[in-house]
């Protein structure tokens, strides 16, 4: 699984009739960057427009999960 994806494991009590389905969500890389570091690699303007961000370290492609998450 992509390191940007997280899976939330929900509590399953002993008296619950059905086990809960885990929920998957993505954590964008900009959540971990508190300031813009100096000398960070940049894409060319054309690539930056195509990716939607100037810095490759902050790129997070949108790819919905097609498969059901299994714990």
N, C-alpha and C. Protein backbone atom coordinates (compact mmCIF):
# COMPACT_ATOMS: atom_id res chain seq x y z
N UNK A 1 0.85 -1.18 0.00
CA UNK A 1 0.00 0.00 0.00
C UNK A 1 0.89 1.24 0.00
N UNK A 2 0.44 2.28 -0.64
CA UNK A 2 1.18 3.54 -0.73
C UNK A 2 1.38 4.11 0.67
N UNK A 3 2.58 4.64 0.99
CA UNK A 3 2.81 5.14 2.36
C UNK A 3 1.95 6.34 2.74
N UNK A 4 1.31 7.01 1.75
CA UNK A 4 0.44 8.13 2.08
C UNK A 4 -0.94 7.66 2.53
N UNK A 5 -1.28 6.42 2.28
CA UNK A 5 -2.57 5.88 2.69
C UNK A 5 -2.49 5.35 4.11
N UNK A 6 -3.51 5.60 4.88
CA UNK A 6 -3.64 5.09 6.24
C UNK A 6 -4.94 4.28 6.33
N UNK A 7 -4.94 3.31 7.18
CA UNK A 7 -6.15 2.51 7.40
C UNK A 7 -6.56 2.65 8.85
N UNK A 8 -7.81 3.02 9.04
CA UNK A 8 -8.35 3.16 10.38
C UNK A 8 -8.99 1.83 10.78
N UNK A 9 -8.49 1.24 11.82
CA UNK A 9 -9.08 0.01 12.32
C UNK A 9 -10.06 0.37 13.43
N UNK A 10 -11.29 -0.01 13.23
CA UNK A 10 -12.33 0.35 14.19
C UNK A 10 -12.49 -0.72 15.27
N UNK A 11 -13.01 -0.31 16.38
CA UNK A 11 -13.21 -1.21 17.52
C UNK A 11 -14.28 -2.25 17.18
N UNK A 12 -14.03 -3.48 17.53
CA UNK A 12 -14.99 -4.56 17.33
C UNK A 12 -15.25 -5.22 18.67
N UNK A 13 -16.42 -4.97 19.21
CA UNK A 13 -16.78 -5.53 20.50
C UNK A 13 -17.13 -7.01 20.40
N UNK A 14 -17.10 -7.69 21.51
CA UNK A 14 -17.38 -9.13 21.52
C UNK A 14 -18.85 -9.43 21.23
N UNK A 15 -19.73 -8.46 21.41
CA UNK A 15 -21.17 -8.68 21.18
C UNK A 15 -21.65 -8.06 19.87
N UNK A 16 -20.76 -7.52 19.06
CA UNK A 16 -21.15 -6.96 17.76
C UNK A 16 -21.44 -8.09 16.79
N UNK A 17 -22.58 -8.04 16.09
CA UNK A 17 -22.92 -9.14 15.18
C UNK A 17 -22.05 -9.19 13.93
N UNK A 18 -21.58 -8.05 13.47
CA UNK A 18 -20.77 -8.01 12.25
C UNK A 18 -19.47 -7.26 12.52
N UNK A 19 -18.38 -7.72 11.95
CA UNK A 19 -17.14 -6.96 12.12
C UNK A 19 -17.20 -5.66 11.33
N UNK A 20 -16.65 -4.58 11.86
CA UNK A 20 -16.68 -3.30 11.14
C UNK A 20 -15.73 -3.31 9.96
N UNK A 21 -16.06 -2.54 8.93
CA UNK A 21 -15.19 -2.40 7.77
C UNK A 21 -14.14 -1.34 8.07
N UNK A 22 -12.88 -1.63 7.78
CA UNK A 22 -11.85 -0.60 7.96
C UNK A 22 -12.05 0.52 6.95
N UNK A 23 -11.66 1.71 7.32
CA UNK A 23 -11.78 2.87 6.46
C UNK A 23 -10.38 3.32 6.07
N UNK A 24 -10.17 3.60 4.78
CA UNK A 24 -8.87 4.07 4.30
C UNK A 24 -8.97 5.56 3.95
N UNK A 25 -7.90 6.27 4.23
CA UNK A 25 -7.85 7.69 3.90
C UNK A 25 -6.41 8.05 3.56
N UNK A 26 -6.23 9.15 2.86
CA UNK A 26 -4.91 9.58 2.44
C UNK A 26 -4.46 10.77 3.29
N UNK A 27 -3.20 10.78 3.66
CA UNK A 27 -2.62 11.88 4.42
C UNK A 27 -1.69 12.63 3.47
N UNK A 28 -2.03 13.86 3.07
CA UNK A 28 -1.19 14.59 2.13
C UNK A 28 0.18 14.90 2.74
N UNK A 29 1.21 14.91 1.89
CA UNK A 29 2.55 15.15 2.42
C UNK A 29 2.73 16.55 3.01
N UNK A 30 1.92 17.51 2.62
CA UNK A 30 2.07 18.87 3.17
C UNK A 30 1.69 18.94 4.64
N UNK A 31 1.12 17.88 5.20
CA UNK A 31 0.80 17.85 6.62
C UNK A 31 2.04 17.72 7.49
N UNK A 32 3.14 17.28 6.88
CA UNK A 32 4.37 17.05 7.62
C UNK A 32 5.45 18.10 7.36
N UNK A 33 5.20 19.03 6.44
CA UNK A 33 6.17 20.08 6.13
C UNK A 33 5.72 21.35 6.83
N UNK A 34 6.47 21.80 7.81
CA UNK A 34 6.06 22.98 8.58
C UNK A 34 6.55 24.28 7.95
N UNK A 35 7.61 24.22 7.16
CA UNK A 35 8.13 25.41 6.49
C UNK A 35 8.78 24.96 5.19
N UNK A 36 9.00 25.92 4.29
CA UNK A 36 9.61 25.59 3.00
C UNK A 36 11.12 25.51 3.17
N UNK A 37 11.71 24.32 3.04
CA UNK A 37 13.16 24.21 3.18
C UNK A 37 13.89 24.88 2.02
N UNK A 38 15.08 25.37 2.27
CA UNK A 38 15.87 25.97 1.20
C UNK A 38 16.49 24.88 0.35
N UNK A 39 16.59 25.16 -0.94
CA UNK A 39 17.24 24.23 -1.87
C UNK A 39 16.43 23.00 -2.20
N UNK A 40 15.13 23.02 -1.97
CA UNK A 40 14.30 21.87 -2.29
C UNK A 40 14.15 21.76 -3.81
N UNK A 41 14.14 20.54 -4.32
CA UNK A 41 14.05 20.30 -5.75
C UNK A 41 12.72 20.84 -6.29
N UNK A 42 12.79 21.44 -7.51
CA UNK A 42 11.59 21.97 -8.15
C UNK A 42 11.44 21.36 -9.54
N UNK A 43 10.18 21.17 -9.95
CA UNK A 43 9.91 20.74 -11.30
C UNK A 43 9.97 21.93 -12.24
N UNK A 44 10.07 21.65 -13.52
CA UNK A 44 9.99 22.72 -14.52
C UNK A 44 8.56 23.27 -14.49
N UNK A 45 8.35 24.49 -14.99
CA UNK A 45 6.99 25.04 -14.97
C UNK A 45 5.95 24.14 -15.65
N UNK A 46 6.33 23.53 -16.76
CA UNK A 46 5.38 22.65 -17.46
C UNK A 46 5.01 21.44 -16.60
N UNK A 47 6.01 20.81 -15.99
CA UNK A 47 5.73 19.66 -15.12
C UNK A 47 4.95 20.08 -13.88
N UNK A 48 5.27 21.26 -13.34
CA UNK A 48 4.56 21.74 -12.15
C UNK A 48 3.08 21.95 -12.44
N UNK A 49 2.77 22.48 -13.61
CA UNK A 49 1.36 22.68 -13.97
C UNK A 49 0.69 21.33 -14.15
N UNK A 50 1.38 20.38 -14.76
CA UNK A 50 0.80 19.06 -14.98
C UNK A 50 0.53 18.33 -13.66
N UNK A 51 1.44 18.49 -12.70
CA UNK A 51 1.27 17.81 -11.41
C UNK A 51 0.46 18.62 -10.40
N UNK A 52 0.37 19.93 -10.60
CA UNK A 52 -0.41 20.77 -9.69
C UNK A 52 0.38 21.26 -8.50
N UNK A 53 1.70 21.03 -8.49
CA UNK A 53 2.54 21.47 -7.39
C UNK A 53 3.96 21.67 -7.93
N UNK A 54 4.67 22.63 -7.37
CA UNK A 54 6.01 22.94 -7.85
C UNK A 54 7.07 21.97 -7.32
N UNK A 55 6.86 21.45 -6.12
CA UNK A 55 7.87 20.61 -5.48
C UNK A 55 7.46 19.14 -5.51
N UNK A 56 8.34 18.26 -6.02
CA UNK A 56 8.01 16.84 -6.08
C UNK A 56 7.75 16.21 -4.71
N UNK A 57 8.39 16.72 -3.67
CA UNK A 57 8.18 16.15 -2.33
C UNK A 57 6.77 16.37 -1.82
N UNK A 58 6.07 17.37 -2.36
CA UNK A 58 4.71 17.66 -1.92
C UNK A 58 3.66 17.09 -2.87
N UNK A 59 4.09 16.34 -3.86
CA UNK A 59 3.15 15.76 -4.84
C UNK A 59 2.43 14.58 -4.23
N UNK A 60 1.13 14.57 -4.36
CA UNK A 60 0.31 13.47 -3.88
C UNK A 60 -0.71 13.15 -4.96
N UNK A 61 -0.47 12.10 -5.73
CA UNK A 61 -1.40 11.78 -6.82
C UNK A 61 -2.75 11.31 -6.27
N UNK A 62 -3.80 11.68 -6.95
CA UNK A 62 -5.12 11.23 -6.55
C UNK A 62 -5.38 9.90 -7.23
N UNK A 63 -5.50 8.88 -6.46
CA UNK A 63 -5.81 7.55 -6.97
C UNK A 63 -6.78 6.90 -6.00
N UNK A 64 -8.07 6.91 -6.33
CA UNK A 64 -9.02 6.30 -5.41
C UNK A 64 -8.75 4.81 -5.26
N UNK A 65 -9.01 4.30 -4.08
CA UNK A 65 -8.80 2.87 -3.84
C UNK A 65 -9.97 2.10 -4.45
N UNK A 66 -9.65 1.26 -5.41
CA UNK A 66 -10.68 0.45 -6.06
C UNK A 66 -11.01 -0.80 -5.25
N UNK A 67 -10.01 -1.30 -4.54
CA UNK A 67 -10.21 -2.53 -3.79
C UNK A 67 -10.73 -2.21 -2.39
N UNK A 68 -11.48 -3.11 -1.87
CA UNK A 68 -11.95 -2.95 -0.49
C UNK A 68 -10.77 -3.21 0.45
N UNK A 69 -10.67 -2.41 1.48
CA UNK A 69 -9.57 -2.52 2.42
C UNK A 69 -9.79 -3.74 3.29
N UNK A 70 -8.76 -4.54 3.41
CA UNK A 70 -8.85 -5.73 4.27
C UNK A 70 -7.83 -5.59 5.40
N UNK A 71 -8.24 -5.94 6.58
CA UNK A 71 -7.34 -5.81 7.72
C UNK A 71 -6.46 -7.02 7.87
